[in-house]
Amino acid sequence: MQEAYGVAAFRSRQQVLWFEAALRRRGVPTEVISTPRDIAMGCGLSVRFPLDRAGDVRQALRGFGTSNLIGLYRAEYRGGRLTVTPLGQ
């Protein structure tokens, strides 16, 4: 089984919580998760979101500000291992 999802990683836990709330207000299903190990920096928490809502996430970032954003990523389990790659523009 392959499961893929988006990850928004930030340097600040406060930014993670604020961004997660901003996405929920926009109707984007979210979850605060531990930042995947492949993203080697940050505060340890990230926002998980469905990949099909990446456009909404990018739009929310424009209004939210990105000073503490590390990046947007695609996380996918392949053969029991989590693979993380930057989410294309």
PDB file of N, CA and C in Angstrom:
ATOM      1  N   MET A   1       0.835  -1.183   0.000  1.00  0.00           N
ATOM      2  CA  MET A   1       0.000   0.000   0.000  1.00  0.00           C
ATOM      3  C   MET A   1       0.878   1.243   0.000  1.00  0.00           C
ATOM      4  N   GLN A   2       0.568   2.201  -0.864  1.00  0.00           N
ATOM      5  CA  GLN A   2       1.294   3.459  -0.906  1.00  0.00           C
ATOM      6  C   GLN A   2       0.404   4.560  -0.372  1.00  0.00           C
ATOM      7  N   GLU A   3       0.921   5.269   0.592  1.00  0.00           N
ATOM      8  CA  GLU A   3       0.207   6.406   1.152  1.00  0.00           C
ATOM      9  C   GLU A   3       1.067   7.626   0.951  1.00  0.00           C
ATOM     10  N   ALA A   4       0.527   8.653   0.305  1.00  0.00           N
ATOM     11  CA  ALA A   4       1.268   9.884   0.071  1.00  0.00           C
ATOM     12  C   ALA A   4       0.485  11.046   0.664  1.00  0.00           C
ATOM     13  N   TYR A   5       1.222  12.004   1.200  1.00  0.00           N
ATOM     14  CA  TYR A   5       0.598  13.190   1.785  1.00  0.00           C
ATOM     15  C   TYR A   5       1.591  14.343   1.740  1.00  0.00           C
ATOM     16  N   GLY A   6       1.093  15.545   1.951  1.00  0.00           N
ATOM     17  CA  GLY A   6       1.928  16.729   1.973  1.00  0.00           C
ATOM     18  C   GLY A   6       2.349  17.077   3.383  1.00  0.00           C
ATOM     19  N   VAL A   7       3.498  17.729   3.495  1.00  0.00           N
ATOM     20  CA  VAL A   7       4.034  18.169   4.780  1.00  0.00           C
ATOM     21  C   VAL A   7       4.500  19.610   4.635  1.00  0.00           C
ATOM     22  N   ALA A   8       4.048  20.462   5.534  1.00  0.00           N
ATOM     23  CA  ALA A   8       4.556  21.832   5.636  1.00  0.00           C
ATOM     24  C   ALA A   8       5.407  21.881   6.893  1.00  0.00           C
ATOM     25  N   ALA A   9       6.713  22.113   6.710  1.00  0.00           N
ATOM     26  CA  ALA A   9       7.648  22.116   7.837  1.00  0.00           C
ATOM     27  C   ALA A   9       8.055  23.553   8.174  1.00  0.00           C
ATOM     28  N   PHE A  10       8.063  23.852   9.456  1.00  0.00           N
ATOM     29  CA  PHE A  10       8.408  25.188   9.939  1.00  0.00           C
ATOM     30  C   PHE A  10       9.514  25.107  10.982  1.00  0.00           C
ATOM     31  N   ARG A  11      10.159  26.245  11.247  1.00  0.00           N
ATOM     32  CA  ARG A  11      11.191  26.337  12.275  1.00  0.00           C
ATOM     33  C   ARG A  11      10.598  26.570  13.660  1.00  0.00           C
ATOM     34  N   SER A  12       9.345  26.966  13.733  1.00  0.00           N
ATOM     35  CA  SER A  12       8.723  27.355  14.991  1.00  0.00           C
ATOM     36  C   SER A  12       7.454  26.534  15.250  1.00  0.00           C
ATOM     37  N   ARG A  13       7.354  25.993  16.449  1.00  0.00           N
ATOM     38  CA  ARG A  13       6.135  25.251  16.811  1.00  0.00           C
ATOM     39  C   ARG A  13       4.916  26.158  16.774  1.00  0.00           C
ATOM     40  N   GLN A  14       5.077  27.404  17.183  1.00  0.00           N
ATOM     41  CA  GLN A  14       3.972  28.351  17.167  1.00  0.00           C
ATOM     42  C   GLN A  14       3.464  28.555  15.739  1.00  0.00           C
ATOM     43  N   GLN A  15       4.383  28.654  14.774  1.00  0.00           N
ATOM     44  CA  GLN A  15       3.989  28.801  13.378  1.00  0.00           C
ATOM     45  C   GLN A  15       3.245  27.567  12.875  1.00  0.00           C
ATOM     46  N   VAL A  16       3.679  26.390  13.311  1.00  0.00           N
ATOM     47  CA  VAL A  16       2.987  25.155  12.933  1.00  0.00           C
ATOM     48  C   VAL A  16       1.538  25.214  13.397  1.00  0.00           C
ATOM     49  N   LEU A  17       1.329  25.584  14.644  1.00  0.00           N
ATOM     50  CA  LEU A  17      -0.032  25.617  15.196  1.00  0.00           C
ATOM     51  C   LEU A  17      -0.878  26.693  14.533  1.00  0.00           C
ATOM     52  N   TRP A  18      -0.295  27.858  14.270  1.00  0.00           N
ATOM     53  CA  TRP A  18      -1.036  28.924  13.592  1.00  0.00           C
ATOM     54  C   TRP A  18      -1.400  28.524  12.170  1.00  0.00           C
ATOM     55  N   PHE A  19      -0.452  27.913  11.460  1.00  0.00           N
ATOM     56  CA  PHE A  19      -0.720  27.534  10.072  1.00  0.00           C
ATOM     57  C   PHE A  19      -1.751  26.413  10.005  1.00  0.00           C
ATOM     58  N   GLU A  20      -1.663  25.477  10.910  1.00  0.00           N
ATOM     59  CA  GLU A  20      -2.646  24.392  10.948  1.00  0.00           C
ATOM     60  C   GLU A  20      -4.053  24.959  11.157  1.00  0.00           C
ATOM     61  N   ALA A  21      -4.188  25.918  12.049  1.00  0.00           N
ATOM     62  CA  ALA A  21      -5.491  26.550  12.294  1.00  0.00           C
ATOM     63  C   ALA A  21      -5.957  27.326  11.057  1.00  0.00           C
ATOM     64  N   ALA A  22      -5.027  28.004  10.379  1.00  0.00           N
ATOM     65  CA  ALA A  22      -5.384  28.757   9.173  1.00  0.00           C
ATOM     66  C   ALA A  22      -5.894  27.819   8.076  1.00  0.00           C
ATOM     67  N   LEU A  23      -5.261  26.667   7.930  1.00  0.00           N
ATOM     68  CA  LEU A  23      -5.725  25.701   6.930  1.00  0.00           C
ATOM     69  C   LEU A  23      -7.081  25.132   7.295  1.00  0.00           C
ATOM     70  N   ARG A  24      -7.290  24.838   8.558  1.00  0.00           N
ATOM     71  CA  ARG A  24      -8.603  24.317   8.990  1.00  0.00           C
ATOM     72  C   ARG A  24      -9.715  25.327   8.703  1.00  0.00           C
ATOM     73  N   ARG A  25      -9.423  26.619   8.921  1.00  0.00           N
ATOM     74  CA  ARG A  25     -10.419  27.658   8.623  1.00  0.00           C
ATOM     75  C   ARG A  25     -10.760  27.679   7.138  1.00  0.00           C
ATOM     76  N   ARG A  26      -9.833  27.263   6.297  1.00  0.00           N
ATOM     77  CA  ARG A  26     -10.060  27.191   4.854  1.00  0.00           C
ATOM     78  C   ARG A  26     -10.690  25.863   4.438  1.00  0.00           C
ATOM     79  N   GLY A  27     -10.932  24.994   5.386  1.00  0.00           N
ATOM     80  CA  GLY A  27     -11.563  23.713   5.081  1.00  0.00           C
ATOM     81  C   GLY A  27     -10.598  22.631   4.642  1.00  0.00           C
ATOM     82  N   VAL A  28      -9.292  22.839   4.854  1.00  0.00           N
ATOM     83  CA  VAL A  28      -8.295  21.842   4.479  1.00  0.00           C
ATOM     84  C   VAL A  28      -8.102  20.879   5.651  1.00  0.00           C
ATOM     85  N   PRO A  29      -8.317  19.592   5.446  1.00  0.00           N
ATOM     86  CA  PRO A  29      -8.092  18.634   6.527  1.00  0.00           C
ATOM     87  C   PRO A  29      -6.596  18.587   6.869  1.00  0.00           C
ATOM     88  N   THR A  30      -6.272  18.748   8.124  1.00  0.00           N
ATOM     89  CA  THR A  30      -4.875  18.806   8.548  1.00  0.00           C
ATOM     90  C   THR A  30      -4.658  17.977   9.800  1.00  0.00           C
ATOM     91  N   GLU A  31      -3.383  17.782  10.075  1.00  0.00           N
ATOM     92  CA  GLU A  31      -2.978  17.096  11.303  1.00  0.00           C
ATOM     93  C   GLU A  31      -1.575  17.592  11.648  1.00  0.00           C
ATOM     94  N   VAL A  32      -1.334  17.871  12.914  1.00  0.00           N
ATOM     95  CA  VAL A  32       0.018  18.192  13.356  1.00  0.00           C
ATOM     96  C   VAL A  32       0.732  16.864  13.606  1.00  0.00           C
ATOM     97  N   ILE A  33       1.899  16.712  12.970  1.00  0.00           N
ATOM     98  CA  ILE A  33       2.649  15.461  13.058  1.00  0.00           C
ATOM     99  C   ILE A  33       4.100  15.750  13.452  1.00  0.00           C
ATOM    100  N   SER A  34       4.809  14.725  13.845  1.00  0.00           N
ATOM    101  CA  SER A  34       6.245  14.842  14.026  1.00  0.00           C
ATOM    102  C   SER A  34       6.879  15.016  12.652  1.00  0.00           C
ATOM    103  N   THR A  35       7.812  15.940  12.554  1.00  0.00           N
ATOM    104  CA  THR A  35       8.471  16.183  11.282  1.00  0.00           C
ATOM    105  C   THR A  35       9.231  14.928  10.852  1.00  0.00           C
ATOM    106  N   PRO A  36       9.038  14.492   9.597  1.00  0.00           N
ATOM    107  CA  PRO A  36       9.776  13.317   9.125  1.00  0.00           C
ATOM    108  C   PRO A  36      11.289  13.510   9.275  1.00  0.00           C
ATOM    109  N   ARG A  37      11.966  12.463   9.600  1.00  0.00           N
ATOM    110  CA  ARG A  37      13.408  12.487   9.861  1.00  0.00           C
ATOM    111  C   ARG A  37      14.206  13.014   8.666  1.00  0.00           C
ATOM    112  N   ASP A  38      13.722  12.793   7.453  1.00  0.00           N
ATOM    113  CA  ASP A  38      14.440  13.248   6.261  1.00  0.00           C
ATOM    114  C   ASP A  38      14.486  14.769   6.141  1.00  0.00           C
ATOM    115  N   ILE A  39      13.611  15.452   6.855  1.00  0.00           N
ATOM    116  CA  ILE A  39      13.653  16.911   6.903  1.00  0.00           C
ATOM    117  C   ILE A  39      14.477  17.243   8.137  1.00  0.00           C
ATOM    118  N   ALA A  40      15.738  17.491   7.939  1.00  0.00           N
ATOM    119  CA  ALA A  40      16.717  17.496   9.029  1.00  0.00           C
ATOM    120  C   ALA A  40      16.699  18.739   9.909  1.00  0.00           C
ATOM    121  N   MET A  41      15.841  19.696   9.643  1.00  0.00           N
ATOM    122  CA  MET A  41      15.826  20.888  10.477  1.00  0.00           C
ATOM    123  C   MET A  41      14.404  21.203  10.885  1.00  0.00           C
ATOM    124  N   GLY A  42      14.264  22.123  11.789  1.00  0.00           N
ATOM    125  CA  GLY A  42      12.938  22.553  12.191  1.00  0.00           C
ATOM    126  C   GLY A  42      12.689  22.331  13.657  1.00  0.00           C
ATOM    127  N   CYS A  43      11.448  22.523  14.034  1.00  0.00           N
ATOM    128  CA  CYS A  43      11.074  22.483  15.444  1.00  0.00           C
ATOM    129  C   CYS A  43      10.631  21.102  15.891  1.00  0.00           C
ATOM    130  N   GLY A  44      10.509  20.158  14.975  1.00  0.00           N
ATOM    131  CA  GLY A  44      10.080  18.812  15.337  1.00  0.00           C
ATOM    132  C   GLY A  44       8.625  18.529  15.040  1.00  0.00           C
ATOM    133  N   LEU A  45       7.851  19.576  14.723  1.00  0.00           N
ATOM    134  CA  LEU A  45       6.448  19.399  14.347  1.00  0.00           C
ATOM    135  C   LEU A  45       6.225  19.975  12.959  1.00  0.00           C
ATOM    136  N   SER A  46       5.292  19.392  12.238  1.00  0.00           N
ATOM    137  CA  SER A  46       4.916  19.867  10.909  1.00  0.00           C
ATOM    138  C   SER A  46       3.410  19.719  10.738  1.00  0.00           C
ATOM    139  N   VAL A  47       2.898  20.272   9.658  1.00  0.00           N
ATOM    140  CA  VAL A  47       1.483  20.153   9.324  1.00  0.00           C
ATOM    141  C   VAL A  47       1.349  19.169   8.165  1.00  0.00           C
ATOM    142  N   ARG A  48       0.533  18.157   8.360  1.00  0.00           N
ATOM    143  CA  ARG A  48       0.232  17.176   7.316  1.00  0.00           C
ATOM    144  C   ARG A  48      -1.053  17.611   6.619  1.00  0.00           C
ATOM    145  N   PHE A  49      -1.083  17.471   5.287  1.00  0.00           N
ATOM    146  CA  PHE A  49      -2.262  17.840   4.515  1.00  0.00           C
ATOM    147  C   PHE A  49      -2.384  16.916   3.303  1.00  0.00           C
ATOM    148  N   PRO A  50      -3.594  16.785   2.736  1.00  0.00           N
ATOM    149  CA  PRO A  50      -3.767  15.958   1.535  1.00  0.00           C
ATOM    150  C   PRO A  50      -3.080  16.617   0.342  1.00  0.00           C
ATOM    151  N   LEU A  51      -2.393  15.825  -0.463  1.00  0.00           N
ATOM    152  CA  LEU A  51      -1.684  16.371  -1.622  1.00  0.00           C
ATOM    153  C   LEU A  51      -2.610  17.078  -2.606  1.00  0.00           C
ATOM    154  N   ASP A  52      -3.852  16.620  -2.708  1.00  0.00           N
ATOM    155  CA  ASP A  52      -4.761  17.258  -3.650  1.00  0.00           C
ATOM    156  C   ASP A  52      -5.197  18.652  -3.196  1.00  0.00           C
ATOM    157  N   ARG A  53      -4.784  19.057  -1.992  1.00  0.00           N
ATOM    158  CA  ARG A  53      -5.087  20.403  -1.487  1.00  0.00           C
ATOM    159  C   ARG A  53      -3.834  21.283  -1.446  1.00  0.00           C
ATOM    160  N   ALA A  54      -2.779  20.871  -2.146  1.00  0.00           N
ATOM    161  CA  ALA A  54      -1.521  21.633  -2.140  1.00  0.00           C
ATOM    162  C   ALA A  54      -1.726  23.065  -2.660  1.00  0.00           C
ATOM    163  N   GLY A  55      -2.591  23.249  -3.625  1.00  0.00           N
ATOM    164  CA  GLY A  55      -2.880  24.597  -4.133  1.00  0.00           C
ATOM    165  C   GLY A  55      -3.457  25.488  -3.045  1.00  0.00           C
ATOM    166  N   ASP A  56      -4.363  24.946  -2.248  1.00  0.00           N
ATOM    167  CA  ASP A  56      -4.943  25.702  -1.134  1.00  0.00           C
ATOM    168  C   ASP A  56      -3.874  26.030  -0.092  1.00  0.00           C
ATOM    169  N   VAL A  57      -2.963  25.089   0.125  1.00  0.00           N
ATOM    170  CA  VAL A  57      -1.888  25.298   1.100  1.00  0.00           C
ATOM    171  C   VAL A  57      -0.976  26.424   0.622  1.00  0.00           C
ATOM    172  N   ARG A  58      -0.608  26.416  -0.641  1.00  0.00           N
ATOM    173  CA  ARG A  58       0.243  27.487  -1.187  1.00  0.00           C
ATOM    174  C   ARG A  58      -0.447  28.844  -1.096  1.00  0.00           C
ATOM    175  N   GLN A  59      -1.735  28.851  -1.393  1.00  0.00           N
ATOM    176  CA  GLN A  59      -2.484  30.103  -1.308  1.00  0.00           C
ATOM    177  C   GLN A  59      -2.528  30.606   0.136  1.00  0.00           C
ATOM    178  N   ALA A  60      -2.737  29.722   1.069  1.00  0.00           N
ATOM    179  CA  ALA A  60      -2.752  30.113   2.485  1.00  0.00           C
ATOM    180  C   ALA A  60      -1.387  30.657   2.908  1.00  0.00           C
ATOM    181  N   LEU A  61      -0.316  30.081   2.384  1.00  0.00           N
ATOM    182  CA  LEU A  61       1.030  30.562   2.718  1.00  0.00           C
ATOM    183  C   LEU A  61       1.251  31.990   2.249  1.00  0.00           C
ATOM    184  N   ARG A  62       0.677  32.352   1.117  1.00  0.00           N
ATOM    185  CA  ARG A  62       0.832  33.721   0.614  1.00  0.00           C
ATOM    186  C   ARG A  62       0.281  34.729   1.607  1.00  0.00           C
ATOM    187  N   GLY A  63      -0.830  34.420   2.226  1.00  0.00           N
ATOM    188  CA  GLY A  63      -1.428  35.326   3.194  1.00  0.00           C
ATOM    189  C   GLY A  63      -0.850  35.177   4.586  1.00  0.00           C
ATOM    190  N   PHE A  64      -0.187  34.076   4.831  1.00  0.00           N
ATOM    191  CA  PHE A  64       0.312  33.755   6.167  1.00  0.00           C
ATOM    192  C   PHE A  64       1.727  34.261   6.385  1.00  0.00           C
ATOM    193  N   GLY A  65       2.517  34.281   5.356  1.00  0.00           N
ATOM    194  CA  GLY A  65       3.927  34.630   5.486  1.00  0.00           C
ATOM    195  C   GLY A  65       4.762  33.369   5.609  1.00  0.00           C
ATOM    196  N   THR A  66       5.973  33.438   5.119  1.00  0.00           N
ATOM    197  CA  THR A  66       6.788  32.226   5.060  1.00  0.00           C
ATOM    198  C   THR A  66       8.142  32.381   5.732  1.00  0.00           C
ATOM    199  N   SER A  67       8.286  33.335   6.625  1.00  0.00           N
ATOM    200  CA  SER A  67       9.604  33.570   7.224  1.00  0.00           C
ATOM    201  C   SER A  67      10.119  32.366   8.009  1.00  0.00           C
ATOM    202  N   ASN A  68       9.239  31.582   8.592  1.00  0.00           N
ATOM    203  CA  ASN A  68       9.652  30.404   9.353  1.00  0.00           C
ATOM    204  C   ASN A  68       9.420  29.095   8.605  1.00  0.00           C
ATOM    205  N   LEU A  69       8.991  29.181   7.347  1.00  0.00           N
ATOM    206  CA  LEU A  69       8.739  27.981   6.560  1.00  0.00           C
ATOM    207  C   LEU A  69      10.057  27.362   6.111  1.00  0.00           C
ATOM    208  N   ILE A  70      10.224  26.091   6.351  1.00  0.00           N
ATOM    209  CA  ILE A  70      11.368  25.348   5.822  1.00  0.00           C
ATOM    210  C   ILE A  70      11.044  24.909   4.404  1.00  0.00           C
ATOM    211  N   GLY A  71       9.822  24.392   4.210  1.00  0.00           N
ATOM    212  CA  GLY A  71       9.422  23.982   2.878  1.00  0.00           C
ATOM    213  C   GLY A  71       8.193  23.109   2.884  1.00  0.00           C
ATOM    214  N   LEU A  72       7.699  22.851   1.683  1.00  0.00           N
ATOM    215  CA  LEU A  72       6.587  21.933   1.468  1.00  0.00           C
ATOM    216  C   LEU A  72       7.161  20.671   0.855  1.00  0.00           C
ATOM    217  N   TYR A  73       6.679  19.531   1.338  1.00  0.00           N
ATOM    218  CA  TYR A  73       7.239  18.245   0.927  1.00  0.00           C
ATOM    219  C   TYR A  73       6.133  17.250   0.617  1.00  0.00           C
ATOM    220  N   ARG A  74       6.500  16.265  -0.193  1.00  0.00           N
ATOM    221  CA  ARG A  74       5.649  15.101  -0.459  1.00  0.00           C
ATOM    222  C   ARG A  74       6.258  13.951   0.338  1.00  0.00           C
ATOM    223  N   ALA A  75       5.465  13.354   1.191  1.00  0.00           N
ATOM    224  CA  ALA A  75       5.905  12.189   1.966  1.00  0.00           C
ATOM    225  C   ALA A  75       5.120  10.989   1.465  1.00  0.00           C
ATOM    226  N   GLU A  76       5.835   9.892   1.242  1.00  0.00           N
ATOM    227  CA  GLU A  76       5.190   8.700   0.690  1.00  0.00           C
ATOM    228  C   GLU A  76       5.864   7.450   1.233  1.00  0.00           C
ATOM    229  N   TYR A  77       5.044   6.514   1.662  1.00  0.00           N
ATOM    230  CA  TYR A  77       5.561   5.216   2.094  1.00  0.00           C
ATOM    231  C   TYR A  77       5.734   4.332   0.874  1.00  0.00           C
ATOM    232  N   ARG A  78       6.961   3.838   0.697  1.00  0.00           N
ATOM    233  CA  ARG A  78       7.273   2.922  -0.406  1.00  0.00           C
ATOM    234  C   ARG A  78       8.003   1.730   0.185  1.00  0.00           C
ATOM    235  N   GLY A  79       7.407   0.592   0.062  1.00  0.00           N
ATOM    236  CA  GLY A  79       8.033  -0.610   0.589  1.00  0.00           C
ATOM    237  C   GLY A  79       8.292  -0.533   2.083  1.00  0.00           C
ATOM    238  N   GLY A  80       7.406   0.114   2.796  1.00  0.00           N
ATOM    239  CA  GLY A  80       7.545   0.213   4.246  1.00  0.00           C
ATOM    240  C   GLY A  80       8.487   1.308   4.712  1.00  0.00           C
ATOM    241  N   ARG A  81       9.044   2.083   3.769  1.00  0.00           N
ATOM    242  CA  ARG A  81       9.968   3.154   4.135  1.00  0.00           C
ATOM    243  C   ARG A  81       9.381   4.495   3.707  1.00  0.00           C
ATOM    244  N   LEU A  82       9.514   5.508   4.567  1.00  0.00           N
ATOM    245  CA  LEU A  82       9.025   6.837   4.249  1.00  0.00           C
ATOM    246  C   LEU A  82      10.052   7.574   3.395  1.00  0.00           C
ATOM    247  N   THR A  83       9.602   8.065   2.240  1.00  0.00           N
ATOM    248  CA  THR A  83      10.434   8.859   1.343  1.00  0.00           C
ATOM    249  C   THR A  83       9.875  10.275   1.317  1.00  0.00           C
ATOM    250  N   VAL A  84      10.749  11.255   1.490  1.00  0.00           N
ATOM    251  CA  VAL A  84      10.331  12.657   1.501  1.00  0.00           C
ATOM    252  C   VAL A  84      11.069  13.389   0.399  1.00  0.00           C
ATOM    253  N   THR A  85      10.290  14.104  -0.442  1.00  0.00           N
ATOM    254  CA  THR A  85      10.872  14.906  -1.522  1.00  0.00           C
ATOM    255  C   THR A  85      10.205  16.284  -1.516  1.00  0.00           C
ATOM    256  N   PRO A  86      10.941  17.299  -1.976  1.00  0.00           N
ATOM    257  CA  PRO A  86      10.323  18.636  -2.053  1.00  0.00           C
ATOM    258  C   PRO A  86       9.091  18.592  -2.947  1.00  0.00           C
ATOM    259  N   LEU A  87       8.072  19.311  -2.557  1.00  0.00           N
ATOM    260  CA  LEU A  87       6.830  19.386  -3.321  1.00  0.00           C
ATOM    261  C   LEU A  87       7.033  20.404  -4.419  1.00  0.00           C
ATOM    262  N   GLY A  88       6.929  19.977  -5.663  1.00  0.00           N
ATOM    263  CA  GLY A  88       7.136  20.864  -6.809  1.00  0.00           C
ATOM    264  C   GLY A  88       6.191  22.040  -6.806  1.00  0.00           C
ATOM    265  N   GLN A  89       6.646  23.103  -7.411  1.00  0.00           N
ATOM    266  CA  GLN A  89       5.843  24.324  -7.502  1.00  0.00           C
ATOM    267  C   GLN A  89       4.738  24.076  -8.490  1.00  0.00           C
TER     268      GLN A  89
END
